[in-house]
Amino acid sequence: MIRLLGHNLLNKQPIYIALTKIYGIGLSTSKKILKNLNIELNIKVKNLTTTQFSLLRTFLEKESNCFEGNLKKKYKIKY
């Protein structure tokens, strides 16, 4: 199991499905992210290499990307 943005992603799931546990990431966004990072969509979470995992973590934790906490803060401030 790996942990991204406070969520444990299940080892048996394909990465494109596992990423949808993160607030702000749906199937289409998940597929776009993986395509941009050149990570195979159907690779299981447990089969990610450390390089692929670090690329994914770095991408998701950028302040310019609005997922999880950043997205929740954005909408809380507006309303």
N, C-alpha and C. Protein backbone atom coordinates (compact mmCIF):
# COMPACT_ATOMS: atom_id res chain seq x y z
N MET A 1 0.84 -1.17 0.00
CA MET A 1 0.00 0.00 0.00
C MET A 1 0.89 1.25 0.00
N ILE A 2 0.56 2.20 -0.85
CA ILE A 2 1.30 3.46 -0.84
C ILE A 2 0.37 4.57 -0.37
N ARG A 3 0.96 5.64 0.11
CA ARG A 3 0.19 6.75 0.64
C ARG A 3 0.49 8.01 -0.16
N LEU A 4 -0.57 8.62 -0.71
CA LEU A 4 -0.45 9.87 -1.45
C LEU A 4 -1.49 10.86 -0.94
N LEU A 5 -1.06 12.04 -0.62
CA LEU A 5 -1.95 13.11 -0.16
C LEU A 5 -2.90 12.65 0.94
N GLY A 6 -2.39 11.82 1.84
CA GLY A 6 -3.19 11.38 2.98
C GLY A 6 -4.10 10.19 2.73
N HIS A 7 -3.98 9.57 1.58
CA HIS A 7 -4.82 8.41 1.25
C HIS A 7 -3.96 7.18 0.99
N ASN A 8 -4.39 6.05 1.54
CA ASN A 8 -3.73 4.78 1.25
C ASN A 8 -4.34 4.21 -0.03
N LEU A 9 -3.50 3.95 -1.01
CA LEU A 9 -3.98 3.38 -2.27
C LEU A 9 -3.79 1.87 -2.21
N LEU A 10 -4.84 1.14 -2.54
CA LEU A 10 -4.81 -0.32 -2.44
C LEU A 10 -3.88 -0.94 -3.48
N ASN A 11 -3.08 -1.91 -3.05
CA ASN A 11 -2.09 -2.55 -3.91
C ASN A 11 -2.68 -3.28 -5.11
N LYS A 12 -3.86 -3.85 -4.95
CA LYS A 12 -4.43 -4.69 -6.00
C LYS A 12 -5.12 -3.90 -7.11
N GLN A 13 -5.36 -2.61 -6.89
CA GLN A 13 -6.07 -1.81 -7.89
C GLN A 13 -5.12 -1.26 -8.95
N PRO A 14 -5.62 -1.12 -10.18
CA PRO A 14 -4.85 -0.40 -11.19
C PRO A 14 -4.68 1.05 -10.72
N ILE A 15 -3.56 1.65 -11.02
CA ILE A 15 -3.25 2.99 -10.51
C ILE A 15 -4.28 4.02 -10.96
N TYR A 16 -4.82 3.89 -12.16
CA TYR A 16 -5.77 4.90 -12.63
C TYR A 16 -7.07 4.89 -11.82
N ILE A 17 -7.42 3.75 -11.24
CA ILE A 17 -8.60 3.67 -10.38
C ILE A 17 -8.24 4.10 -8.96
N ALA A 18 -7.09 3.70 -8.48
CA ALA A 18 -6.67 4.03 -7.12
C ALA A 18 -6.56 5.54 -6.92
N LEU A 19 -6.13 6.26 -7.93
CA LEU A 19 -5.97 7.71 -7.80
C LEU A 19 -7.30 8.43 -7.58
N THR A 20 -8.41 7.80 -7.94
CA THR A 20 -9.71 8.45 -7.79
C THR A 20 -10.14 8.57 -6.32
N LYS A 21 -9.41 7.95 -5.39
CA LYS A 21 -9.68 8.12 -3.96
C LYS A 21 -9.31 9.52 -3.50
N ILE A 22 -8.47 10.19 -4.25
CA ILE A 22 -8.00 11.53 -3.89
C ILE A 22 -9.05 12.55 -4.33
N TYR A 23 -9.43 13.43 -3.43
CA TYR A 23 -10.45 14.44 -3.70
C TYR A 23 -10.00 15.33 -4.86
N GLY A 24 -10.84 15.40 -5.88
CA GLY A 24 -10.54 16.23 -7.04
C GLY A 24 -10.03 15.46 -8.24
N ILE A 25 -9.82 14.15 -8.07
CA ILE A 25 -9.34 13.33 -9.18
C ILE A 25 -10.41 12.30 -9.54
N GLY A 26 -10.92 12.42 -10.75
CA GLY A 26 -11.85 11.45 -11.29
C GLY A 26 -11.12 10.57 -12.28
N LEU A 27 -11.85 9.72 -12.98
CA LEU A 27 -11.22 8.81 -13.94
C LEU A 27 -10.51 9.56 -15.06
N SER A 28 -11.15 10.56 -15.62
CA SER A 28 -10.53 11.27 -16.75
C SER A 28 -9.28 12.02 -16.30
N THR A 29 -9.33 12.66 -15.14
CA THR A 29 -8.16 13.38 -14.63
C THR A 29 -7.03 12.40 -14.31
N SER A 30 -7.38 11.28 -13.73
CA SER A 30 -6.40 10.25 -13.40
C SER A 30 -5.67 9.78 -14.66
N LYS A 31 -6.44 9.52 -15.71
CA LYS A 31 -5.84 9.05 -16.97
C LYS A 31 -4.94 10.12 -17.59
N LYS A 32 -5.35 11.39 -17.51
CA LYS A 32 -4.53 12.48 -18.06
C LYS A 32 -3.22 12.60 -17.32
N ILE A 33 -3.27 12.52 -15.99
CA ILE A 33 -2.06 12.63 -15.17
C ILE A 33 -1.09 11.52 -15.53
N LEU A 34 -1.59 10.29 -15.57
CA LEU A 34 -0.72 9.14 -15.86
C LEU A 34 -0.15 9.22 -17.27
N LYS A 35 -0.95 9.69 -18.22
CA LYS A 35 -0.47 9.83 -19.60
C LYS A 35 0.65 10.86 -19.66
N ASN A 36 0.48 11.99 -18.96
CA ASN A 36 1.52 13.03 -18.94
C ASN A 36 2.80 12.55 -18.29
N LEU A 37 2.69 11.66 -17.32
CA LEU A 37 3.87 11.14 -16.62
C LEU A 37 4.43 9.86 -17.24
N ASN A 38 3.82 9.42 -18.34
CA ASN A 38 4.24 8.19 -19.03
C ASN A 38 4.20 6.97 -18.12
N ILE A 39 3.13 6.87 -17.34
CA ILE A 39 2.91 5.71 -16.49
C ILE A 39 1.74 4.93 -17.08
N GLU A 40 1.93 3.63 -17.23
CA GLU A 40 0.89 2.76 -17.80
C GLU A 40 -0.36 2.80 -16.93
N LEU A 41 -1.51 2.92 -17.57
CA LEU A 41 -2.78 3.06 -16.84
C LEU A 41 -3.13 1.82 -16.00
N ASN A 42 -2.90 0.64 -16.54
CA ASN A 42 -3.34 -0.58 -15.89
C ASN A 42 -2.33 -1.20 -14.94
N ILE A 43 -1.23 -0.52 -14.69
CA ILE A 43 -0.24 -1.06 -13.76
C ILE A 43 -0.84 -1.04 -12.35
N LYS A 44 -0.64 -2.11 -11.63
CA LYS A 44 -1.15 -2.20 -10.26
C LYS A 44 -0.31 -1.30 -9.36
N VAL A 45 -0.92 -0.81 -8.30
CA VAL A 45 -0.25 0.07 -7.36
C VAL A 45 1.02 -0.59 -6.82
N LYS A 46 0.93 -1.87 -6.50
CA LYS A 46 2.08 -2.58 -5.91
C LYS A 46 3.24 -2.73 -6.90
N ASN A 47 2.97 -2.60 -8.21
CA ASN A 47 4.02 -2.76 -9.22
C ASN A 47 4.66 -1.45 -9.67
N LEU A 48 4.27 -0.33 -9.06
CA LEU A 48 4.90 0.94 -9.40
C LEU A 48 6.35 0.93 -8.96
N THR A 49 7.22 1.44 -9.81
CA THR A 49 8.62 1.57 -9.42
C THR A 49 8.77 2.79 -8.52
N THR A 50 9.87 2.89 -7.84
CA THR A 50 10.10 4.05 -6.98
C THR A 50 10.17 5.33 -7.80
N THR A 51 10.69 5.23 -9.01
CA THR A 51 10.76 6.40 -9.89
C THR A 51 9.36 6.86 -10.28
N GLN A 52 8.50 5.93 -10.66
CA GLN A 52 7.13 6.27 -11.02
C GLN A 52 6.38 6.86 -9.83
N PHE A 53 6.58 6.28 -8.66
CA PHE A 53 5.91 6.76 -7.46
C PHE A 53 6.37 8.17 -7.12
N SER A 54 7.66 8.42 -7.20
CA SER A 54 8.16 9.76 -6.88
C SER A 54 7.70 10.80 -7.90
N LEU A 55 7.62 10.42 -9.19
CA LEU A 55 7.08 11.33 -10.21
C LEU A 55 5.63 11.68 -9.88
N LEU A 56 4.86 10.70 -9.53
CA LEU A 56 3.45 10.89 -9.22
C LEU A 56 3.28 11.76 -7.98
N ARG A 57 4.04 11.48 -6.94
CA ARG A 57 3.96 12.27 -5.70
C ARG A 57 4.36 13.71 -5.96
N THR A 58 5.44 13.92 -6.68
CA THR A 58 5.91 15.27 -6.98
C THR A 58 4.85 16.04 -7.75
N PHE A 59 4.25 15.40 -8.74
CA PHE A 59 3.22 16.05 -9.55
C PHE A 59 2.01 16.44 -8.70
N LEU A 60 1.54 15.52 -7.88
CA LEU A 60 0.33 15.76 -7.09
C LEU A 60 0.55 16.78 -5.97
N GLU A 61 1.77 16.90 -5.47
CA GLU A 61 2.03 17.81 -4.36
C GLU A 61 2.39 19.22 -4.80
N LYS A 62 2.51 19.47 -6.10
CA LYS A 62 2.77 20.82 -6.58
C LYS A 62 1.65 21.74 -6.15
N GLU A 63 2.00 22.96 -5.75
CA GLU A 63 0.97 23.90 -5.31
C GLU A 63 0.05 24.32 -6.45
N SER A 64 0.56 24.27 -7.67
CA SER A 64 -0.26 24.68 -8.81
C SER A 64 -1.37 23.68 -9.11
N ASN A 65 -1.22 22.44 -8.67
CA ASN A 65 -2.25 21.43 -8.85
C ASN A 65 -3.23 21.50 -7.69
N CYS A 66 -4.47 21.54 -8.00
CA CYS A 66 -5.50 21.74 -6.97
C CYS A 66 -6.22 20.42 -6.68
N PHE A 67 -5.65 19.65 -5.77
CA PHE A 67 -6.24 18.39 -5.34
C PHE A 67 -6.29 18.36 -3.83
N GLU A 68 -7.11 17.50 -3.30
CA GLU A 68 -7.24 17.22 -1.87
C GLU A 68 -7.31 18.49 -1.03
N GLY A 69 -6.34 18.75 -0.17
CA GLY A 69 -6.39 19.88 0.76
C GLY A 69 -6.47 21.24 0.09
N ASN A 70 -5.68 21.43 -0.97
CA ASN A 70 -5.69 22.72 -1.67
C ASN A 70 -7.06 22.99 -2.28
N LEU A 71 -7.68 21.99 -2.82
CA LEU A 71 -9.00 22.14 -3.43
C LEU A 71 -10.06 22.42 -2.37
N LYS A 72 -9.97 21.72 -1.25
CA LYS A 72 -10.93 21.94 -0.16
C LYS A 72 -10.80 23.35 0.40
N LYS A 73 -9.57 23.83 0.57
CA LYS A 73 -9.34 25.19 1.05
C LYS A 73 -9.91 26.22 0.10
N LYS A 74 -9.71 25.98 -1.19
CA LYS A 74 -10.17 26.91 -2.21
C LYS A 74 -11.68 27.13 -2.11
N TYR A 75 -12.43 26.06 -1.97
CA TYR A 75 -13.88 26.19 -1.92
C TYR A 75 -14.39 26.64 -0.55
N LYS A 76 -13.65 26.37 0.49
CA LYS A 76 -14.06 26.83 1.81
C LYS A 76 -13.93 28.34 1.90
N ILE A 77 -12.89 28.89 1.32
CA ILE A 77 -12.68 30.33 1.34
C ILE A 77 -13.74 31.05 0.53
N LYS A 78 -14.13 30.49 -0.61
CA LYS A 78 -15.10 31.12 -1.48
C LYS A 78 -16.47 31.23 -0.83
N TYR A 79 -16.87 30.24 -0.06
CA TYR A 79 -18.24 30.21 0.46
C TYR A 79 -18.29 30.60 1.89
